[in-house]
N, C-alpha and C. Protein backbone atom coordinates (compact mmCIF):
# COMPACT_ATOMS: atom_id res chain seq x y z
N MET A 1 16.01 46.32 40.23
CA MET A 1 15.45 45.99 38.93
C MET A 1 15.36 44.46 38.83
N ALA A 2 14.20 43.95 38.53
CA ALA A 2 13.99 42.51 38.45
C ALA A 2 14.46 42.00 37.10
N SER A 3 15.17 40.88 37.13
CA SER A 3 15.63 40.29 35.87
C SER A 3 14.56 39.34 35.34
N ALA A 4 14.46 39.27 34.04
CA ALA A 4 13.48 38.39 33.41
C ALA A 4 13.96 36.95 33.53
N ASP A 5 13.07 36.07 33.88
CA ASP A 5 13.39 34.64 33.97
C ASP A 5 13.48 34.09 32.55
N PRO A 6 14.67 33.60 32.11
CA PRO A 6 14.81 33.14 30.73
C PRO A 6 13.98 31.90 30.42
N ASP A 7 13.69 31.09 31.41
CA ASP A 7 12.90 29.88 31.18
C ASP A 7 11.62 29.95 31.99
N PRO A 8 10.48 29.77 31.35
CA PRO A 8 9.23 29.74 32.12
C PRO A 8 9.23 28.52 33.03
N PRO A 9 8.48 28.56 34.10
CA PRO A 9 8.45 27.41 35.01
C PRO A 9 7.92 26.16 34.31
N ALA A 10 8.46 25.02 34.75
CA ALA A 10 8.00 23.75 34.20
C ALA A 10 6.56 23.53 34.59
N GLY A 11 5.82 22.90 33.74
CA GLY A 11 4.42 22.64 34.03
C GLY A 11 3.69 22.31 32.75
N PRO A 12 2.38 22.13 32.83
CA PRO A 12 1.60 21.74 31.65
C PRO A 12 1.74 22.69 30.47
N SER A 13 1.81 24.00 30.73
CA SER A 13 1.88 24.95 29.63
C SER A 13 3.20 24.83 28.87
N ARG A 14 4.26 24.43 29.56
CA ARG A 14 5.55 24.30 28.90
C ARG A 14 5.65 23.00 28.12
N LEU A 15 5.00 21.96 28.57
CA LEU A 15 5.10 20.64 27.94
C LEU A 15 4.07 20.42 26.85
N ALA A 16 2.98 21.12 26.90
CA ALA A 16 1.91 20.91 25.93
C ALA A 16 2.26 21.50 24.58
N THR A 17 1.87 20.80 23.52
CA THR A 17 2.04 21.31 22.17
C THR A 17 0.93 22.32 21.93
N PRO A 18 1.26 23.49 21.41
CA PRO A 18 0.21 24.47 21.12
C PRO A 18 -0.83 23.89 20.16
N ALA A 19 -2.07 24.26 20.37
CA ALA A 19 -3.16 23.73 19.55
C ALA A 19 -2.94 24.03 18.07
N TRP A 20 -2.45 25.21 17.75
CA TRP A 20 -2.25 25.57 16.35
C TRP A 20 -1.20 24.67 15.70
N LEU A 21 -0.17 24.28 16.47
CA LEU A 21 0.87 23.42 15.92
C LEU A 21 0.33 22.01 15.67
N GLU A 22 -0.46 21.53 16.60
CA GLU A 22 -1.07 20.20 16.43
C GLU A 22 -2.02 20.22 15.22
N GLU A 23 -2.78 21.28 15.06
CA GLU A 23 -3.69 21.40 13.92
C GLU A 23 -2.89 21.46 12.61
N HIS A 24 -1.77 22.17 12.63
CA HIS A 24 -0.91 22.26 11.45
C HIS A 24 -0.36 20.88 11.08
N ARG A 25 0.09 20.12 12.07
CA ARG A 25 0.61 18.77 11.83
C ARG A 25 -0.46 17.86 11.24
N ARG A 26 -1.68 17.95 11.77
CA ARG A 26 -2.78 17.14 11.24
C ARG A 26 -3.10 17.51 9.80
N ALA A 27 -3.05 18.81 9.51
CA ALA A 27 -3.32 19.28 8.14
C ALA A 27 -2.26 18.77 7.17
N LEU A 28 -0.99 18.81 7.59
CA LEU A 28 0.09 18.29 6.74
C LEU A 28 -0.08 16.80 6.49
N LEU A 29 -0.38 16.05 7.54
CA LEU A 29 -0.58 14.61 7.40
C LEU A 29 -1.76 14.31 6.49
N SER A 30 -2.83 15.03 6.65
CA SER A 30 -4.01 14.84 5.82
C SER A 30 -3.69 15.12 4.35
N ALA A 31 -2.94 16.18 4.09
CA ALA A 31 -2.55 16.50 2.72
C ALA A 31 -1.65 15.42 2.14
N ASP A 32 -0.73 14.90 2.94
CA ASP A 32 0.16 13.84 2.47
C ASP A 32 -0.62 12.56 2.17
N VAL A 33 -1.60 12.23 3.00
CA VAL A 33 -2.44 11.05 2.76
C VAL A 33 -3.19 11.21 1.44
N ARG A 34 -3.76 12.38 1.22
CA ARG A 34 -4.47 12.64 -0.04
C ARG A 34 -3.52 12.53 -1.23
N ARG A 35 -2.32 13.06 -1.07
CA ARG A 35 -1.33 13.01 -2.16
C ARG A 35 -1.01 11.56 -2.52
N LEU A 36 -0.83 10.71 -1.52
CA LEU A 36 -0.55 9.30 -1.78
C LEU A 36 -1.72 8.62 -2.49
N ALA A 37 -2.92 8.84 -1.98
CA ALA A 37 -4.10 8.20 -2.57
C ALA A 37 -4.31 8.64 -4.02
N LEU A 38 -4.13 9.93 -4.27
CA LEU A 38 -4.30 10.45 -5.64
C LEU A 38 -3.22 9.92 -6.58
N ALA A 39 -2.01 9.80 -6.09
CA ALA A 39 -0.91 9.28 -6.93
C ALA A 39 -1.12 7.81 -7.26
N LEU A 40 -1.63 7.05 -6.31
CA LEU A 40 -1.82 5.62 -6.50
C LEU A 40 -3.03 5.31 -7.39
N SER A 41 -4.04 6.13 -7.31
CA SER A 41 -5.32 5.85 -7.96
C SER A 41 -5.23 5.43 -9.44
N PRO A 42 -4.52 6.13 -10.30
CA PRO A 42 -4.51 5.72 -11.71
C PRO A 42 -3.81 4.38 -11.95
N TYR A 43 -2.96 3.95 -11.04
CA TYR A 43 -2.21 2.73 -11.21
C TYR A 43 -2.89 1.52 -10.59
N GLY A 44 -3.68 1.75 -9.55
CA GLY A 44 -4.36 0.65 -8.89
C GLY A 44 -3.49 -0.02 -7.85
N ILE A 45 -2.32 -0.50 -8.25
CA ILE A 45 -1.38 -1.17 -7.36
C ILE A 45 0.03 -0.71 -7.71
N LEU A 46 0.78 -0.36 -6.67
CA LEU A 46 2.19 0.01 -6.85
C LEU A 46 3.01 -0.54 -5.69
N HIS A 47 4.26 -0.82 -5.97
CA HIS A 47 5.19 -1.17 -4.90
C HIS A 47 5.48 0.10 -4.10
N ARG A 48 5.79 -0.07 -2.84
CA ARG A 48 6.08 1.06 -1.95
C ARG A 48 7.14 1.98 -2.55
N ASP A 49 8.20 1.41 -3.11
CA ASP A 49 9.28 2.22 -3.68
C ASP A 49 8.81 3.02 -4.88
N ALA A 50 7.97 2.42 -5.70
CA ALA A 50 7.44 3.13 -6.86
C ALA A 50 6.52 4.28 -6.42
N LEU A 51 5.71 4.04 -5.40
CA LEU A 51 4.84 5.09 -4.88
C LEU A 51 5.67 6.22 -4.30
N ALA A 52 6.71 5.88 -3.55
CA ALA A 52 7.59 6.90 -2.96
C ALA A 52 8.24 7.75 -4.06
N ALA A 53 8.70 7.10 -5.12
CA ALA A 53 9.32 7.84 -6.23
C ALA A 53 8.30 8.72 -6.94
N LEU A 54 7.10 8.20 -7.12
CA LEU A 54 6.05 8.93 -7.81
C LEU A 54 5.68 10.23 -7.11
N VAL A 55 5.66 10.21 -5.78
CA VAL A 55 5.27 11.42 -5.02
C VAL A 55 6.49 12.25 -4.60
N GLY A 56 7.68 11.82 -4.96
CA GLY A 56 8.88 12.57 -4.58
C GLY A 56 9.16 12.53 -3.09
N ALA A 57 8.93 11.38 -2.46
CA ALA A 57 9.03 11.25 -1.01
C ALA A 57 10.42 11.58 -0.46
N ARG A 58 11.45 11.44 -1.25
CA ARG A 58 12.79 11.75 -0.72
C ARG A 58 12.94 13.23 -0.42
N ASP A 59 12.05 14.06 -0.95
CA ASP A 59 12.09 15.50 -0.67
C ASP A 59 11.12 15.90 0.45
N TRP A 60 10.38 14.92 1.00
CA TRP A 60 9.45 15.21 2.09
C TRP A 60 10.22 15.35 3.39
N ARG A 61 9.56 15.86 4.39
CA ARG A 61 10.14 15.90 5.74
C ARG A 61 10.53 14.49 6.17
N GLU A 62 11.55 14.39 7.00
CA GLU A 62 12.01 13.08 7.46
C GLU A 62 10.87 12.32 8.15
N GLY A 63 10.62 11.10 7.68
CA GLY A 63 9.59 10.26 8.27
C GLY A 63 8.17 10.54 7.81
N ALA A 64 7.99 11.60 7.01
CA ALA A 64 6.63 12.00 6.61
C ALA A 64 5.99 10.97 5.68
N PHE A 65 6.77 10.40 4.76
CA PHE A 65 6.19 9.41 3.83
C PHE A 65 5.69 8.19 4.59
N GLU A 66 6.52 7.67 5.48
CA GLU A 66 6.13 6.49 6.25
C GLU A 66 4.90 6.78 7.11
N GLN A 67 4.90 7.95 7.74
CA GLN A 67 3.75 8.32 8.58
C GLN A 67 2.48 8.46 7.75
N ALA A 68 2.58 9.10 6.60
CA ALA A 68 1.41 9.28 5.73
C ALA A 68 0.92 7.95 5.18
N LEU A 69 1.85 7.06 4.83
CA LEU A 69 1.47 5.75 4.30
C LEU A 69 0.75 4.95 5.37
N GLU A 70 1.26 4.96 6.59
CA GLU A 70 0.59 4.26 7.70
C GLU A 70 -0.79 4.85 7.97
N GLU A 71 -0.89 6.17 7.95
CA GLU A 71 -2.17 6.82 8.19
C GLU A 71 -3.15 6.52 7.06
N ALA A 72 -2.68 6.50 5.83
CA ALA A 72 -3.54 6.19 4.68
C ALA A 72 -4.10 4.77 4.80
N VAL A 73 -3.27 3.84 5.24
CA VAL A 73 -3.73 2.46 5.45
C VAL A 73 -4.74 2.43 6.59
N ARG A 74 -4.43 3.12 7.69
CA ARG A 74 -5.33 3.16 8.84
C ARG A 74 -6.71 3.72 8.47
N GLN A 75 -6.71 4.75 7.63
CA GLN A 75 -7.97 5.38 7.21
C GLN A 75 -8.70 4.59 6.14
N GLY A 76 -8.02 3.64 5.51
CA GLY A 76 -8.64 2.87 4.43
C GLY A 76 -8.50 3.54 3.08
N ALA A 77 -7.69 4.60 2.98
CA ALA A 77 -7.49 5.29 1.71
C ALA A 77 -6.57 4.49 0.80
N ILE A 78 -5.72 3.67 1.39
CA ILE A 78 -4.79 2.81 0.67
C ILE A 78 -4.81 1.46 1.36
N GLU A 79 -4.70 0.41 0.58
CA GLU A 79 -4.70 -0.94 1.14
C GLU A 79 -3.29 -1.52 1.09
N ARG A 80 -2.84 -2.06 2.22
CA ARG A 80 -1.53 -2.73 2.27
C ARG A 80 -1.71 -4.13 1.68
N LEU A 81 -0.84 -4.47 0.74
CA LEU A 81 -0.87 -5.77 0.07
C LEU A 81 0.43 -6.51 0.39
N PRO A 82 0.51 -7.77 0.05
CA PRO A 82 1.74 -8.54 0.33
C PRO A 82 2.96 -7.99 -0.42
N GLU A 83 4.13 -8.29 0.12
CA GLU A 83 5.42 -8.05 -0.52
C GLU A 83 5.71 -6.58 -0.82
N GLY A 84 5.23 -5.67 0.02
CA GLY A 84 5.56 -4.26 -0.13
C GLY A 84 4.71 -3.51 -1.14
N PHE A 85 3.61 -4.10 -1.57
CA PHE A 85 2.72 -3.44 -2.52
C PHE A 85 1.59 -2.74 -1.77
N TYR A 86 1.07 -1.69 -2.41
CA TYR A 86 -0.07 -0.95 -1.88
C TYR A 86 -1.05 -0.75 -3.01
N GLY A 87 -2.33 -0.74 -2.66
CA GLY A 87 -3.34 -0.61 -3.69
C GLY A 87 -4.43 0.38 -3.33
N ASP A 88 -5.09 0.85 -4.36
CA ASP A 88 -6.28 1.68 -4.21
C ASP A 88 -7.40 0.70 -3.85
N PRO A 89 -7.96 0.76 -2.65
CA PRO A 89 -8.95 -0.24 -2.23
C PRO A 89 -10.13 -0.38 -3.18
N GLU A 90 -10.62 0.71 -3.68
CA GLU A 90 -11.78 0.64 -4.58
C GLU A 90 -11.43 -0.08 -5.87
N ARG A 91 -10.31 0.23 -6.44
CA ARG A 91 -9.92 -0.39 -7.72
C ARG A 91 -9.46 -1.82 -7.52
N CYS A 92 -8.76 -2.10 -6.42
CA CYS A 92 -8.30 -3.47 -6.16
C CYS A 92 -9.48 -4.42 -6.04
N HIS A 93 -10.46 -4.04 -5.26
CA HIS A 93 -11.61 -4.91 -5.03
C HIS A 93 -12.51 -5.01 -6.25
N ARG A 94 -12.63 -3.92 -6.99
CA ARG A 94 -13.48 -3.93 -8.18
C ARG A 94 -12.88 -4.82 -9.26
N ARG A 95 -11.55 -4.77 -9.42
CA ARG A 95 -10.89 -5.55 -10.49
C ARG A 95 -10.74 -7.01 -10.12
N SER A 96 -10.55 -7.31 -8.83
CA SER A 96 -10.21 -8.67 -8.46
C SER A 96 -11.34 -9.42 -7.76
N GLY A 97 -12.47 -8.76 -7.58
CA GLY A 97 -13.58 -9.41 -6.90
C GLY A 97 -13.36 -9.54 -5.41
N GLY A 98 -12.48 -8.69 -4.82
CA GLY A 98 -12.34 -8.67 -3.38
C GLY A 98 -10.98 -9.08 -2.86
N SER A 99 -10.13 -9.63 -3.68
CA SER A 99 -8.82 -10.05 -3.19
C SER A 99 -7.75 -9.58 -4.17
N ALA A 100 -7.06 -8.54 -3.79
CA ALA A 100 -6.02 -7.99 -4.67
C ALA A 100 -4.70 -8.69 -4.41
N THR A 101 -4.07 -9.14 -5.46
CA THR A 101 -2.76 -9.76 -5.36
C THR A 101 -1.86 -9.10 -6.39
N PRO A 102 -0.69 -8.59 -5.98
CA PRO A 102 0.20 -7.98 -6.96
C PRO A 102 0.51 -8.94 -8.09
N GLY A 103 0.39 -8.42 -9.31
CA GLY A 103 0.71 -9.23 -10.47
C GLY A 103 -0.42 -10.11 -10.95
N ALA A 104 -1.54 -10.14 -10.23
CA ALA A 104 -2.65 -11.01 -10.62
C ALA A 104 -3.19 -10.68 -12.00
N GLY A 105 -3.09 -9.43 -12.39
CA GLY A 105 -3.60 -9.03 -13.69
C GLY A 105 -2.50 -8.91 -14.72
N GLY A 106 -1.33 -9.41 -14.44
CA GLY A 106 -0.22 -9.33 -15.37
C GLY A 106 0.67 -8.14 -15.05
N GLY A 107 1.72 -7.95 -15.82
CA GLY A 107 2.70 -6.89 -15.61
C GLY A 107 2.15 -5.50 -15.76
N ALA A 108 0.99 -5.34 -16.38
CA ALA A 108 0.43 -4.02 -16.62
C ALA A 108 0.14 -3.27 -15.34
N LEU A 109 0.03 -3.99 -14.21
CA LEU A 109 -0.27 -3.31 -12.96
C LEU A 109 0.81 -2.30 -12.59
N LEU A 110 2.03 -2.52 -13.01
CA LEU A 110 3.10 -1.60 -12.68
C LEU A 110 3.58 -0.78 -13.88
N ALA A 111 3.12 -1.13 -15.06
CA ALA A 111 3.62 -0.47 -16.25
C ALA A 111 2.99 0.89 -16.47
N GLY A 112 1.79 1.10 -16.02
CA GLY A 112 1.12 2.38 -16.24
C GLY A 112 -0.24 2.38 -15.64
N PRO A 113 -0.95 3.48 -15.80
CA PRO A 113 -2.28 3.59 -15.20
C PRO A 113 -3.22 2.50 -15.70
N LEU A 114 -4.10 2.06 -14.81
CA LEU A 114 -5.13 1.10 -15.19
C LEU A 114 -6.28 1.85 -15.84
N HIS A 115 -6.87 1.24 -16.82
CA HIS A 115 -8.03 1.83 -17.48
C HIS A 115 -9.17 0.83 -17.39
N ASP A 116 -10.26 1.27 -16.80
CA ASP A 116 -11.41 0.38 -16.67
C ASP A 116 -12.02 0.13 -18.04
N PRO A 117 -12.45 -1.12 -18.27
CA PRO A 117 -13.05 -1.44 -19.57
C PRO A 117 -14.39 -0.78 -19.74
């Protein structure tokens, strides 16, 4: 009677991530990027810590917030600003004429959602 080999042989099939798992990871990252962009949008500019608190990042998978924030910046969905601030690119450029600086519009940038005139 032949015994079953508990470990499949080493090779590409053992090392490769299944396509469905990679697709699932991309879908999660995409959803997290959208969540960040949507949370930031009404405020225009937020500090990283405020954005993390707003989306409940401490309850996300380990490293997911940082990964999503980096991906959002890479995609242009969120703009990285000086001193740990992040902005909605469309609103930052529209309000500031192309150069967003935290606090440039006064304390209201962090106090609540921005309302276009």
